[in-house]
Amino acid sequence: MYREIGDAPAFGLVMDHFGLLRSTIDRHGGGIVKTIGDAVMAAFRDPGAALRAALEIQEIFEDPNRLEHPLTIKAGLH
């Protein structure tokens, strides 16, 4: 994506992606522990809330009308 649209626009999309992740994680009672590059590590007290947040995030990013440049979302629950 960085090559396709350039550094500044791609960085802006990553920041938008963080905003969507943060608001969804917050809404489900979680908190961001850290970010690594374009990855986010979040913690939840309730595993069900973590799963609901992950599913909602996937739905958001799978919507072809939501983002001009789609981003791939991978989630793991531990």
N, C-alpha and C. Protein backbone atom coordinates (compact mmCIF):
# COMPACT_ATOMS: atom_id res chain seq x y z
N MET A 1 0.83 -1.18 0.00
CA MET A 1 0.00 0.00 0.00
C MET A 1 0.87 1.25 0.00
N TYR A 2 1.97 1.24 0.76
CA TYR A 2 2.83 2.41 0.80
C TYR A 2 3.37 2.74 -0.58
N ARG A 3 3.76 1.71 -1.34
CA ARG A 3 4.26 1.95 -2.71
C ARG A 3 3.15 2.45 -3.62
N GLU A 4 1.97 1.91 -3.43
CA GLU A 4 0.85 2.23 -4.31
C GLU A 4 0.36 3.67 -4.16
N ILE A 5 0.24 4.14 -2.91
CA ILE A 5 -0.36 5.47 -2.71
C ILE A 5 0.60 6.48 -2.09
N GLY A 6 1.78 6.04 -1.68
CA GLY A 6 2.76 6.95 -1.09
C GLY A 6 2.76 6.89 0.42
N ASP A 7 3.88 7.34 0.99
CA ASP A 7 4.07 7.23 2.44
C ASP A 7 3.05 8.00 3.26
N ALA A 8 2.87 9.27 2.96
CA ALA A 8 1.97 10.09 3.78
C ALA A 8 0.52 9.60 3.73
N PRO A 9 -0.03 9.34 2.54
CA PRO A 9 -1.41 8.84 2.51
C PRO A 9 -1.55 7.47 3.19
N ALA A 10 -0.57 6.59 2.99
CA ALA A 10 -0.64 5.27 3.62
C ALA A 10 -0.56 5.39 5.13
N PHE A 11 0.31 6.26 5.62
CA PHE A 11 0.42 6.48 7.06
C PHE A 11 -0.90 7.01 7.61
N GLY A 12 -1.54 7.90 6.87
CA GLY A 12 -2.85 8.42 7.28
C GLY A 12 -3.88 7.31 7.39
N LEU A 13 -3.86 6.37 6.44
CA LEU A 13 -4.79 5.24 6.50
C LEU A 13 -4.52 4.36 7.72
N VAL A 14 -3.25 4.16 8.02
CA VAL A 14 -2.90 3.36 9.20
C VAL A 14 -3.39 4.07 10.47
N MET A 15 -3.27 5.37 10.53
CA MET A 15 -3.76 6.12 11.69
C MET A 15 -5.28 6.02 11.79
N ASP A 16 -5.96 6.09 10.65
CA ASP A 16 -7.42 5.91 10.65
C ASP A 16 -7.78 4.51 11.15
N HIS A 17 -7.01 3.53 10.72
CA HIS A 17 -7.21 2.14 11.13
C HIS A 17 -7.05 2.03 12.65
N PHE A 18 -6.04 2.70 13.21
CA PHE A 18 -5.86 2.68 14.67
C PHE A 18 -7.07 3.31 15.37
N GLY A 19 -7.61 4.38 14.81
CA GLY A 19 -8.77 5.02 15.40
C GLY A 19 -9.98 4.10 15.44
N LEU A 20 -10.21 3.39 14.34
CA LEU A 20 -11.32 2.43 14.31
C LEU A 20 -11.11 1.30 15.30
N LEU A 21 -9.88 0.80 15.36
CA LEU A 21 -9.57 -0.27 16.31
C LEU A 21 -9.76 0.21 17.75
N ARG A 22 -9.22 1.39 18.05
CA ARG A 22 -9.30 1.92 19.41
C ARG A 22 -10.75 2.09 19.85
N SER A 23 -11.57 2.67 18.99
CA SER A 23 -12.96 2.91 19.39
C SER A 23 -13.72 1.60 19.57
N THR A 24 -13.45 0.62 18.74
CA THR A 24 -14.13 -0.67 18.87
C THR A 24 -13.67 -1.41 20.12
N ILE A 25 -12.37 -1.40 20.35
CA ILE A 25 -11.82 -2.05 21.55
C ILE A 25 -12.38 -1.39 22.80
N ASP A 26 -12.40 -0.06 22.83
CA ASP A 26 -12.95 0.66 23.98
C ASP A 26 -14.42 0.32 24.21
N ARG A 27 -15.19 0.30 23.13
CA ARG A 27 -16.62 0.03 23.22
C ARG A 27 -16.90 -1.36 23.82
N HIS A 28 -15.99 -2.28 23.63
CA HIS A 28 -16.17 -3.64 24.15
C HIS A 28 -15.44 -3.87 25.47
N GLY A 29 -14.99 -2.78 26.10
CA GLY A 29 -14.40 -2.89 27.43
C GLY A 29 -12.94 -3.28 27.46
N GLY A 30 -12.27 -3.19 26.33
CA GLY A 30 -10.85 -3.53 26.29
C GLY A 30 -9.98 -2.29 26.31
N GLY A 31 -8.69 -2.52 26.28
CA GLY A 31 -7.74 -1.43 26.24
C GLY A 31 -6.54 -1.82 25.40
N ILE A 32 -5.98 -0.85 24.71
CA ILE A 32 -4.79 -1.12 23.91
C ILE A 32 -3.58 -1.17 24.83
N VAL A 33 -2.84 -2.27 24.75
CA VAL A 33 -1.63 -2.46 25.55
C VAL A 33 -0.45 -1.82 24.84
N LYS A 34 -0.33 -2.09 23.54
CA LYS A 34 0.76 -1.49 22.76
C LYS A 34 0.47 -1.63 21.28
N THR A 35 1.20 -0.85 20.51
CA THR A 35 1.17 -0.96 19.06
C THR A 35 2.57 -1.31 18.59
N ILE A 36 2.63 -2.10 17.54
CA ILE A 36 3.91 -2.49 16.95
C ILE A 36 3.74 -2.33 15.44
N GLY A 37 4.35 -1.29 14.88
CA GLY A 37 4.13 -1.02 13.46
C GLY A 37 2.67 -0.72 13.22
N ASP A 38 2.03 -1.55 12.42
CA ASP A 38 0.60 -1.36 12.16
C ASP A 38 -0.25 -2.35 12.95
N ALA A 39 0.36 -3.02 13.93
CA ALA A 39 -0.35 -4.00 14.75
C ALA A 39 -0.75 -3.41 16.10
N VAL A 40 -1.82 -3.96 16.65
CA VAL A 40 -2.32 -3.52 17.95
C VAL A 40 -2.45 -4.73 18.86
N MET A 41 -1.98 -4.59 20.09
CA MET A 41 -2.22 -5.62 21.10
C MET A 41 -3.18 -5.01 22.12
N ALA A 42 -4.29 -5.71 22.33
CA ALA A 42 -5.30 -5.23 23.27
C ALA A 42 -5.57 -6.29 24.32
N ALA A 43 -6.03 -5.85 25.47
CA ALA A 43 -6.37 -6.76 26.56
C ALA A 43 -7.81 -6.53 26.98
N PHE A 44 -8.47 -7.62 27.34
CA PHE A 44 -9.86 -7.60 27.79
C PHE A 44 -9.97 -8.46 29.03
N ARG A 45 -10.82 -8.08 29.96
CA ARG A 45 -11.09 -8.92 31.12
C ARG A 45 -12.02 -10.08 30.75
N ASP A 46 -12.91 -9.82 29.80
CA ASP A 46 -13.92 -10.80 29.40
C ASP A 46 -13.57 -11.36 28.02
N PRO A 47 -13.28 -12.66 27.92
CA PRO A 47 -12.94 -13.24 26.62
C PRO A 47 -14.06 -13.10 25.60
N GLY A 48 -15.30 -13.12 26.05
CA GLY A 48 -16.42 -12.94 25.12
C GLY A 48 -16.40 -11.55 24.50
N ALA A 49 -16.04 -10.55 25.29
CA ALA A 49 -15.94 -9.19 24.78
C ALA A 49 -14.81 -9.09 23.76
N ALA A 50 -13.72 -9.79 24.02
CA ALA A 50 -12.60 -9.80 23.07
C ALA A 50 -13.04 -10.39 21.74
N LEU A 51 -13.77 -11.48 21.80
CA LEU A 51 -14.26 -12.12 20.58
C LEU A 51 -15.23 -11.21 19.84
N ARG A 52 -16.15 -10.59 20.56
CA ARG A 52 -17.10 -9.68 19.92
C ARG A 52 -16.38 -8.50 19.27
N ALA A 53 -15.36 -7.97 19.94
CA ALA A 53 -14.59 -6.86 19.36
C ALA A 53 -13.88 -7.31 18.09
N ALA A 54 -13.25 -8.48 18.14
CA ALA A 54 -12.53 -8.99 16.97
C ALA A 54 -13.47 -9.20 15.79
N LEU A 55 -14.64 -9.75 16.05
CA LEU A 55 -15.62 -9.97 14.98
C LEU A 55 -16.12 -8.65 14.40
N GLU A 56 -16.37 -7.68 15.27
CA GLU A 56 -16.83 -6.38 14.78
C GLU A 56 -15.75 -5.70 13.95
N ILE A 57 -14.51 -5.79 14.40
CA ILE A 57 -13.40 -5.20 13.65
C ILE A 57 -13.29 -5.85 12.27
N GLN A 58 -13.42 -7.16 12.21
CA GLN A 58 -13.37 -7.83 10.91
C GLN A 58 -14.51 -7.37 10.01
N GLU A 59 -15.69 -7.22 10.56
CA GLU A 59 -16.83 -6.74 9.77
C GLU A 59 -16.57 -5.34 9.22
N ILE A 60 -16.02 -4.48 10.06
CA ILE A 60 -15.74 -3.10 9.64
C ILE A 60 -14.79 -3.11 8.45
N PHE A 61 -13.72 -3.87 8.56
CA PHE A 61 -12.69 -3.84 7.53
C PHE A 61 -13.02 -4.70 6.31
N GLU A 62 -14.03 -5.55 6.40
CA GLU A 62 -14.45 -6.33 5.23
C GLU A 62 -15.44 -5.56 4.37
N ASP A 63 -16.00 -4.48 4.88
CA ASP A 63 -16.98 -3.68 4.13
C ASP A 63 -16.26 -2.95 2.99
N PRO A 64 -16.54 -3.31 1.73
CA PRO A 64 -15.83 -2.69 0.61
C PRO A 64 -16.14 -1.21 0.45
N ASN A 65 -17.21 -0.73 1.03
CA ASN A 65 -17.56 0.68 0.93
C ASN A 65 -16.92 1.53 2.02
N ARG A 66 -16.30 0.88 3.00
CA ARG A 66 -15.76 1.58 4.16
C ARG A 66 -14.42 2.24 3.86
N LEU A 67 -13.56 1.53 3.15
CA LEU A 67 -12.21 2.02 2.92
C LEU A 67 -11.87 2.00 1.43
N GLU A 68 -11.23 3.06 0.98
CA GLU A 68 -10.80 3.11 -0.42
C GLU A 68 -9.70 2.08 -0.68
N HIS A 69 -8.81 1.92 0.28
CA HIS A 69 -7.72 0.95 0.18
C HIS A 69 -7.90 -0.07 1.30
N PRO A 70 -8.44 -1.24 0.98
CA PRO A 70 -8.73 -2.23 2.02
C PRO A 70 -7.47 -2.65 2.78
N LEU A 71 -7.64 -2.90 4.05
CA LEU A 71 -6.56 -3.39 4.90
C LEU A 71 -6.92 -4.79 5.36
N THR A 72 -5.93 -5.64 5.47
CA THR A 72 -6.14 -6.99 5.96
C THR A 72 -6.05 -6.99 7.47
N ILE A 73 -7.04 -7.59 8.11
CA ILE A 73 -7.07 -7.66 9.56
C ILE A 73 -6.88 -9.11 9.98
N LYS A 74 -5.95 -9.32 10.89
CA LYS A 74 -5.73 -10.63 11.48
C LYS A 74 -5.92 -10.48 12.98
N ALA A 75 -6.60 -11.44 13.58
CA ALA A 75 -6.85 -11.36 15.02
C ALA A 75 -6.54 -12.69 15.67
N GLY A 76 -5.99 -12.64 16.85
CA GLY A 76 -5.74 -13.83 17.63
C GLY A 76 -6.20 -13.60 19.06
N LEU A 77 -6.79 -14.62 19.65
CA LEU A 77 -7.23 -14.52 21.04
C LEU A 77 -6.44 -15.54 21.85
N HIS A 78 -5.87 -15.09 22.97
CA HIS A 78 -5.05 -15.97 23.81
C HIS A 78 -5.53 -15.91 25.24
